[in-house]
Amino acid sequence: MKTTLILLWVARLVAAIIMLQTLYFKFTAQAESVYIFSTIGLEPWGRIGTGIAELIASILLLIPHTSWLGALMGIGIMAGAIVSHLFLLGIEVMDDGGQLFYMALLTTICCLFVVYKEKATIFRVIKKFA
């Protein structure tokens, strides 16, 4: 039980930290972020909107009662990033060695783990509103 709780917190923290550390680049219009969102045709609103969504997802991930919701948001956001890399940007963007792509994969894996561990809560919420 204790090991599972530790792993759950590690997954939450890793996903939240990765999403939070990219906010600086998105909100300050750093060259790489502008290039990415220009390439996919979503500059500047896609960059800013994605940053806001990542901020909300990160906050939700760090609150135990809402971590499942943050994880679901994170999966959705990262799915968009992964699809963009695979079909529009390529794995490597501006000679980053694929770092952004691999961070998106790691974030997705962490969020999937959180969703799996919080599945009882998710089903309870669905049942409540269904």
N, C-alpha and C. Protein backbone atom coordinates (compact mmCIF):
# COMPACT_ATOMS: atom_id res chain seq x y z
N MET A 1 0.83 -1.20 0.00
CA MET A 1 0.00 0.00 0.00
C MET A 1 0.87 1.26 0.00
N LYS A 2 1.86 1.28 0.89
CA LYS A 2 2.72 2.47 0.99
C LYS A 2 3.53 2.67 -0.29
N THR A 3 4.03 1.58 -0.87
CA THR A 3 4.79 1.67 -2.12
C THR A 3 3.91 2.21 -3.24
N THR A 4 2.68 1.73 -3.31
CA THR A 4 1.75 2.21 -4.33
C THR A 4 1.48 3.69 -4.17
N LEU A 5 1.31 4.14 -2.94
CA LEU A 5 1.06 5.56 -2.68
C LEU A 5 2.27 6.40 -3.08
N ILE A 6 3.46 5.90 -2.80
CA ILE A 6 4.68 6.62 -3.19
C ILE A 6 4.77 6.70 -4.72
N LEU A 7 4.51 5.58 -5.40
CA LEU A 7 4.55 5.58 -6.86
C LEU A 7 3.50 6.51 -7.46
N LEU A 8 2.34 6.55 -6.83
CA LEU A 8 1.28 7.44 -7.29
C LEU A 8 1.72 8.90 -7.18
N TRP A 9 2.33 9.24 -6.05
CA TRP A 9 2.82 10.61 -5.88
C TRP A 9 3.96 10.94 -6.84
N VAL A 10 4.83 9.97 -7.08
CA VAL A 10 5.93 10.19 -8.03
C VAL A 10 5.36 10.46 -9.42
N ALA A 11 4.38 9.67 -9.83
CA ALA A 11 3.75 9.86 -11.14
C ALA A 11 3.09 11.23 -11.23
N ARG A 12 2.36 11.62 -10.18
CA ARG A 12 1.72 12.93 -10.15
C ARG A 12 2.76 14.05 -10.27
N LEU A 13 3.81 13.94 -9.47
CA LEU A 13 4.84 14.98 -9.45
C LEU A 13 5.59 15.08 -10.77
N VAL A 14 5.97 13.93 -11.33
CA VAL A 14 6.71 13.95 -12.60
C VAL A 14 5.87 14.60 -13.69
N ALA A 15 4.61 14.18 -13.81
CA ALA A 15 3.74 14.76 -14.85
C ALA A 15 3.54 16.26 -14.62
N ALA A 16 3.28 16.64 -13.38
CA ALA A 16 3.04 18.06 -13.08
C ALA A 16 4.29 18.90 -13.32
N ILE A 17 5.44 18.41 -12.89
CA ILE A 17 6.69 19.16 -13.06
C ILE A 17 7.02 19.34 -14.54
N ILE A 18 6.86 18.28 -15.33
CA ILE A 18 7.14 18.41 -16.76
C ILE A 18 6.23 19.45 -17.39
N MET A 19 4.94 19.38 -17.08
CA MET A 19 4.02 20.36 -17.67
C MET A 19 4.29 21.78 -17.16
N LEU A 20 4.61 21.90 -15.87
CA LEU A 20 4.86 23.24 -15.31
C LEU A 20 6.14 23.87 -15.87
N GLN A 21 7.18 23.06 -16.08
CA GLN A 21 8.43 23.64 -16.55
C GLN A 21 8.34 24.12 -17.99
N THR A 22 7.38 23.63 -18.76
CA THR A 22 7.23 24.11 -20.13
C THR A 22 6.47 25.43 -20.21
N LEU A 23 5.83 25.82 -19.11
CA LEU A 23 5.02 27.04 -19.13
C LEU A 23 5.85 28.29 -19.41
N TYR A 24 7.03 28.34 -18.85
CA TYR A 24 7.91 29.49 -19.09
C TYR A 24 8.10 29.72 -20.59
N PHE A 25 8.37 28.64 -21.30
CA PHE A 25 8.64 28.73 -22.74
C PHE A 25 7.40 29.14 -23.52
N LYS A 26 6.25 28.63 -23.09
CA LYS A 26 5.00 28.98 -23.78
C LYS A 26 4.58 30.41 -23.49
N PHE A 27 4.59 30.80 -22.23
CA PHE A 27 4.08 32.12 -21.85
C PHE A 27 5.02 33.27 -22.19
N THR A 28 6.31 32.98 -22.39
CA THR A 28 7.25 34.04 -22.77
C THR A 28 7.57 34.01 -24.26
N ALA A 29 6.83 33.20 -25.00
CA ALA A 29 6.98 33.12 -26.46
C ALA A 29 8.42 32.83 -26.89
N GLN A 30 9.02 31.83 -26.26
CA GLN A 30 10.36 31.42 -26.64
C GLN A 30 10.34 30.86 -28.07
N ALA A 31 11.46 30.98 -28.75
CA ALA A 31 11.54 30.65 -30.18
C ALA A 31 11.03 29.24 -30.49
N GLU A 32 11.41 28.26 -29.69
CA GLU A 32 11.00 26.88 -29.96
C GLU A 32 9.48 26.71 -29.86
N SER A 33 8.87 27.31 -28.85
CA SER A 33 7.41 27.23 -28.71
C SER A 33 6.71 27.93 -29.86
N VAL A 34 7.19 29.11 -30.22
CA VAL A 34 6.58 29.85 -31.34
C VAL A 34 6.72 29.04 -32.63
N TYR A 35 7.88 28.43 -32.84
CA TYR A 35 8.10 27.60 -34.03
C TYR A 35 7.12 26.43 -34.06
N ILE A 36 6.98 25.73 -32.93
CA ILE A 36 6.10 24.56 -32.87
C ILE A 36 4.66 24.96 -33.19
N PHE A 37 4.16 25.97 -32.52
CA PHE A 37 2.76 26.34 -32.71
C PHE A 37 2.52 27.03 -34.04
N SER A 38 3.54 27.68 -34.60
CA SER A 38 3.42 28.23 -35.96
C SER A 38 3.34 27.11 -36.98
N THR A 39 4.16 26.08 -36.79
CA THR A 39 4.18 24.94 -37.71
C THR A 39 2.84 24.23 -37.74
N ILE A 40 2.19 24.11 -36.60
CA ILE A 40 0.89 23.41 -36.58
C ILE A 40 -0.28 24.37 -36.78
N GLY A 41 0.03 25.65 -37.02
CA GLY A 41 -0.99 26.63 -37.35
C GLY A 41 -1.82 27.13 -36.18
N LEU A 42 -1.25 27.11 -34.98
CA LEU A 42 -2.00 27.52 -33.79
C LEU A 42 -1.33 28.63 -32.99
N GLU A 43 -0.42 29.34 -33.61
CA GLU A 43 0.28 30.43 -32.92
C GLU A 43 -0.55 31.71 -33.03
N PRO A 44 -0.75 32.47 -32.00
CA PRO A 44 -0.28 32.35 -30.61
C PRO A 44 -1.30 31.69 -29.68
N TRP A 45 -2.57 31.63 -30.11
CA TRP A 45 -3.62 31.20 -29.18
C TRP A 45 -3.49 29.74 -28.76
N GLY A 46 -3.02 28.89 -29.65
CA GLY A 46 -2.81 27.49 -29.29
C GLY A 46 -1.72 27.34 -28.24
N ARG A 47 -0.68 28.14 -28.39
CA ARG A 47 0.43 28.12 -27.41
C ARG A 47 -0.05 28.59 -26.05
N ILE A 48 -0.75 29.69 -26.01
CA ILE A 48 -1.23 30.24 -24.74
C ILE A 48 -2.30 29.33 -24.14
N GLY A 49 -3.23 28.87 -24.97
CA GLY A 49 -4.29 27.97 -24.49
C GLY A 49 -3.75 26.66 -23.95
N THR A 50 -2.77 26.11 -24.64
CA THR A 50 -2.14 24.87 -24.17
C THR A 50 -1.43 25.12 -22.85
N GLY A 51 -0.77 26.25 -22.72
CA GLY A 51 -0.10 26.59 -21.46
C GLY A 51 -1.09 26.69 -20.31
N ILE A 52 -2.22 27.34 -20.55
CA ILE A 52 -3.25 27.46 -19.50
C ILE A 52 -3.79 26.08 -19.14
N ALA A 53 -4.06 25.25 -20.16
CA ALA A 53 -4.56 23.89 -19.90
C ALA A 53 -3.55 23.07 -19.10
N GLU A 54 -2.26 23.19 -19.44
CA GLU A 54 -1.22 22.46 -18.71
C GLU A 54 -1.11 22.95 -17.27
N LEU A 55 -1.27 24.24 -17.06
CA LEU A 55 -1.24 24.79 -15.70
C LEU A 55 -2.40 24.23 -14.87
N ILE A 56 -3.59 24.22 -15.43
CA ILE A 56 -4.76 23.68 -14.72
C ILE A 56 -4.57 22.20 -14.44
N ALA A 57 -4.12 21.44 -15.45
CA ALA A 57 -3.91 20.00 -15.27
C ALA A 57 -2.87 19.74 -14.17
N SER A 58 -1.81 20.52 -14.14
CA SER A 58 -0.76 20.34 -13.13
C SER A 58 -1.29 20.61 -11.72
N ILE A 59 -2.06 21.67 -11.58
CA ILE A 59 -2.64 21.98 -10.26
C ILE A 59 -3.57 20.85 -9.82
N LEU A 60 -4.42 20.39 -10.73
CA LEU A 60 -5.34 19.30 -10.40
C LEU A 60 -4.59 18.02 -10.04
N LEU A 61 -3.48 17.75 -10.73
CA LEU A 61 -2.68 16.56 -10.43
C LEU A 61 -2.11 16.59 -9.01
N LEU A 62 -1.79 17.76 -8.53
CA LEU A 62 -1.15 17.89 -7.22
C LEU A 62 -2.14 17.87 -6.05
N ILE A 63 -3.42 17.93 -6.35
CA ILE A 63 -4.45 17.85 -5.31
C ILE A 63 -5.00 16.42 -5.33
N PRO A 64 -4.80 15.65 -4.25
CA PRO A 64 -5.19 14.24 -4.27
C PRO A 64 -6.62 13.96 -4.74
N HIS A 65 -7.59 14.76 -4.32
CA HIS A 65 -8.98 14.50 -4.69
C HIS A 65 -9.28 14.79 -6.16
N THR A 66 -8.43 15.57 -6.81
CA THR A 66 -8.67 15.91 -8.22
C THR A 66 -7.57 15.41 -9.15
N SER A 67 -6.67 14.60 -8.62
CA SER A 67 -5.54 14.15 -9.44
C SER A 67 -6.01 13.34 -10.65
N TRP A 68 -7.09 12.61 -10.52
CA TRP A 68 -7.61 11.83 -11.64
C TRP A 68 -8.05 12.76 -12.78
N LEU A 69 -8.64 13.89 -12.44
CA LEU A 69 -9.08 14.84 -13.46
C LEU A 69 -7.88 15.51 -14.14
N GLY A 70 -6.88 15.87 -13.35
CA GLY A 70 -5.66 16.42 -13.91
C GLY A 70 -4.96 15.42 -14.82
N ALA A 71 -4.98 14.15 -14.42
CA ALA A 71 -4.36 13.10 -15.24
C ALA A 71 -5.11 12.93 -16.56
N LEU A 72 -6.43 12.95 -16.51
CA LEU A 72 -7.21 12.85 -17.75
C LEU A 72 -6.93 14.03 -18.67
N MET A 73 -6.85 15.22 -18.09
CA MET A 73 -6.49 16.41 -18.88
C MET A 73 -5.09 16.26 -19.47
N GLY A 74 -4.17 15.79 -18.65
CA GLY A 74 -2.79 15.60 -19.11
C GLY A 74 -2.71 14.62 -20.27
N ILE A 75 -3.48 13.54 -20.20
CA ILE A 75 -3.50 12.56 -21.29
C ILE A 75 -4.00 13.22 -22.57
N GLY A 76 -5.06 14.00 -22.46
CA GLY A 76 -5.59 14.68 -23.64
C GLY A 76 -4.61 15.67 -24.23
N ILE A 77 -3.99 16.47 -23.38
CA ILE A 77 -3.03 17.47 -23.85
C ILE A 77 -1.83 16.78 -24.50
N MET A 78 -1.31 15.75 -23.84
CA MET A 78 -0.14 15.05 -24.36
C MET A 78 -0.47 14.26 -25.62
N ALA A 79 -1.70 13.78 -25.74
CA ALA A 79 -2.11 13.10 -26.98
C ALA A 79 -1.98 14.07 -28.15
N GLY A 80 -2.42 15.31 -27.93
CA GLY A 80 -2.27 16.33 -28.97
C GLY A 80 -0.81 16.58 -29.30
N ALA A 81 0.03 16.64 -28.28
CA ALA A 81 1.46 16.87 -28.50
C ALA A 81 2.10 15.71 -29.26
N ILE A 82 1.78 14.49 -28.86
CA ILE A 82 2.36 13.31 -29.51
C ILE A 82 1.92 13.22 -30.97
N VAL A 83 0.63 13.42 -31.22
CA VAL A 83 0.12 13.38 -32.60
C VAL A 83 0.78 14.48 -33.43
N SER A 84 0.94 15.67 -32.86
CA SER A 84 1.61 16.76 -33.58
C SER A 84 3.04 16.39 -33.94
N HIS A 85 3.74 15.76 -33.00
CA HIS A 85 5.11 15.35 -33.26
C HIS A 85 5.16 14.28 -34.36
N LEU A 86 4.27 13.32 -34.28
CA LEU A 86 4.31 12.21 -35.23
C LEU A 86 3.92 12.62 -36.65
N PHE A 87 2.98 13.54 -36.78
CA PHE A 87 2.45 13.84 -38.11
C PHE A 87 2.83 15.21 -38.67
N LEU A 88 3.21 16.16 -37.83
CA LEU A 88 3.48 17.51 -38.32
C LEU A 88 4.89 18.00 -38.04
N LEU A 89 5.39 17.72 -36.87
CA LEU A 89 6.66 18.30 -36.43
C LEU A 89 7.86 17.39 -36.62
N GLY A 90 7.64 16.11 -36.45
CA GLY A 90 8.73 15.15 -36.37
C GLY A 90 9.12 14.93 -34.92
N ILE A 91 9.82 13.86 -34.66
CA ILE A 91 10.23 13.54 -33.29
C ILE A 91 11.16 14.62 -32.75
N GLU A 92 12.10 15.02 -33.57
CA GLU A 92 13.09 16.03 -33.17
C GLU A 92 12.67 17.40 -33.70
N VAL A 93 12.61 18.37 -32.80
CA VAL A 93 12.22 19.73 -33.17
C VAL A 93 13.38 20.67 -32.85
N MET A 94 13.84 21.38 -33.86
CA MET A 94 14.92 22.36 -33.69
C MET A 94 16.12 21.76 -32.95
N ASP A 95 16.54 20.59 -33.39
CA ASP A 95 17.73 19.92 -32.84
C ASP A 95 17.64 19.65 -31.34
N ASP A 96 16.45 19.32 -30.84
CA ASP A 96 16.31 19.03 -29.40
C ASP A 96 16.57 17.56 -29.07
N GLY A 97 16.90 16.75 -30.08
CA GLY A 97 17.16 15.34 -29.84
C GLY A 97 15.92 14.55 -29.47
N GLY A 98 14.76 15.11 -29.73
CA GLY A 98 13.50 14.45 -29.39
C GLY A 98 13.06 14.65 -27.96
N GLN A 99 13.71 15.56 -27.25
CA GLN A 99 13.43 15.76 -25.82
C GLN A 99 11.96 16.08 -25.56
N LEU A 100 11.38 16.99 -26.32
CA LEU A 100 9.98 17.35 -26.09
C LEU A 100 9.05 16.16 -26.34
N PHE A 101 9.33 15.40 -27.39
CA PHE A 101 8.52 14.22 -27.69
C PHE A 101 8.60 13.20 -26.56
N TYR A 102 9.81 12.92 -26.09
CA TYR A 102 9.97 11.92 -25.03
C TYR A 102 9.39 12.40 -23.70
N MET A 103 9.45 13.70 -23.44
CA MET A 103 8.81 14.22 -22.22
C MET A 103 7.30 14.09 -22.32
N ALA A 104 6.74 14.28 -23.51
CA ALA A 104 5.30 14.08 -23.70
C ALA A 104 4.93 12.62 -23.47
N LEU A 105 5.76 11.70 -23.94
CA LEU A 105 5.51 10.27 -23.70
C LEU A 105 5.57 9.94 -22.21
N LEU A 106 6.59 10.45 -21.53
CA LEU A 106 6.73 10.20 -20.09
C LEU A 106 5.55 10.77 -19.32
N THR A 107 5.13 11.97 -19.67
CA THR A 107 3.99 12.60 -19.01
C THR A 107 2.73 11.76 -19.23
N THR A 108 2.55 11.27 -20.45
CA THR A 108 1.39 10.42 -20.75
C THR A 108 1.41 9.15 -19.91
N ILE A 109 2.56 8.51 -19.82
CA ILE A 109 2.68 7.28 -19.03
C ILE A 109 2.35 7.56 -17.57
N CYS A 110 2.88 8.64 -17.03
CA CYS A 110 2.60 9.00 -15.63
C CYS A 110 1.10 9.26 -15.43
N CYS A 111 0.49 9.98 -16.35
CA CYS A 111 -0.94 10.28 -16.23
C CYS A 111 -1.78 9.01 -16.37
N LEU A 112 -1.38 8.12 -17.26
CA LEU A 112 -2.09 6.84 -17.39
C LEU A 112 -2.02 6.04 -16.10
N PHE A 113 -0.86 6.06 -15.44
CA PHE A 113 -0.71 5.37 -14.16
C PHE A 113 -1.65 5.96 -13.12
N VAL A 114 -1.72 7.29 -13.06
CA VAL A 114 -2.61 7.95 -12.10
C VAL A 114 -4.06 7.56 -12.38
N VAL A 115 -4.47 7.59 -13.64
CA VAL A 115 -5.84 7.22 -14.00
C VAL A 115 -6.12 5.78 -13.60
N TYR A 116 -5.16 4.88 -13.87
CA TYR A 116 -5.34 3.47 -13.50
C TYR A 116 -5.52 3.32 -11.99
N LYS A 117 -4.68 3.99 -11.23
CA LYS A 117 -4.75 3.87 -9.77
C LYS A 117 -5.98 4.57 -9.18
N GLU A 118 -6.52 5.54 -9.88
CA GLU A 118 -7.69 6.28 -9.40
C GLU A 118 -8.97 5.85 -10.10
N LYS A 119 -8.94 4.69 -10.76
CA LYS A 119 -10.10 4.27 -11.55
C LYS A 119 -11.36 4.11 -10.71
N ALA A 120 -11.24 3.68 -9.46
CA ALA A 120 -12.42 3.55 -8.59
C ALA A 120 -13.08 4.91 -8.38
N THR A 121 -12.28 5.93 -8.17
CA THR A 121 -12.81 7.29 -8.00
C THR A 121 -13.50 7.75 -9.28
N ILE A 122 -12.87 7.50 -10.40
CA ILE A 122 -13.44 7.91 -11.69
C ILE A 122 -14.79 7.24 -11.91
N PHE A 123 -14.87 5.93 -11.66
CA PHE A 123 -16.13 5.21 -11.84
C PHE A 123 -17.19 5.71 -10.87
N ARG A 124 -16.77 6.05 -9.66
CA ARG A 124 -17.71 6.58 -8.67
C ARG A 124 -18.30 7.92 -9.14
N VAL A 125 -17.46 8.76 -9.70
CA VAL A 125 -17.93 10.06 -10.20
C VAL A 125 -18.86 9.86 -11.40
N ILE A 126 -18.49 8.97 -12.30
CA ILE A 126 -19.34 8.69 -13.47
C ILE A 126 -20.70 8.17 -13.02
N LYS A 127 -20.67 7.24 -12.07
CA LYS A 127 -21.92 6.65 -11.57
C LYS A 127 -22.79 7.72 -10.90
N LYS A 128 -22.16 8.64 -10.22
CA LYS A 128 -22.89 9.70 -9.52
C LYS A 128 -23.65 10.59 -10.51
N PHE A 129 -23.04 10.85 -11.66
CA PHE A 129 -23.64 11.76 -12.64
C PHE A 129 -24.39 11.05 -13.75
N ALA A 130 -24.32 9.73 -13.78
CA ALA A 130 -25.00 8.98 -14.85
C ALA A 130 -26.44 8.66 -14.51
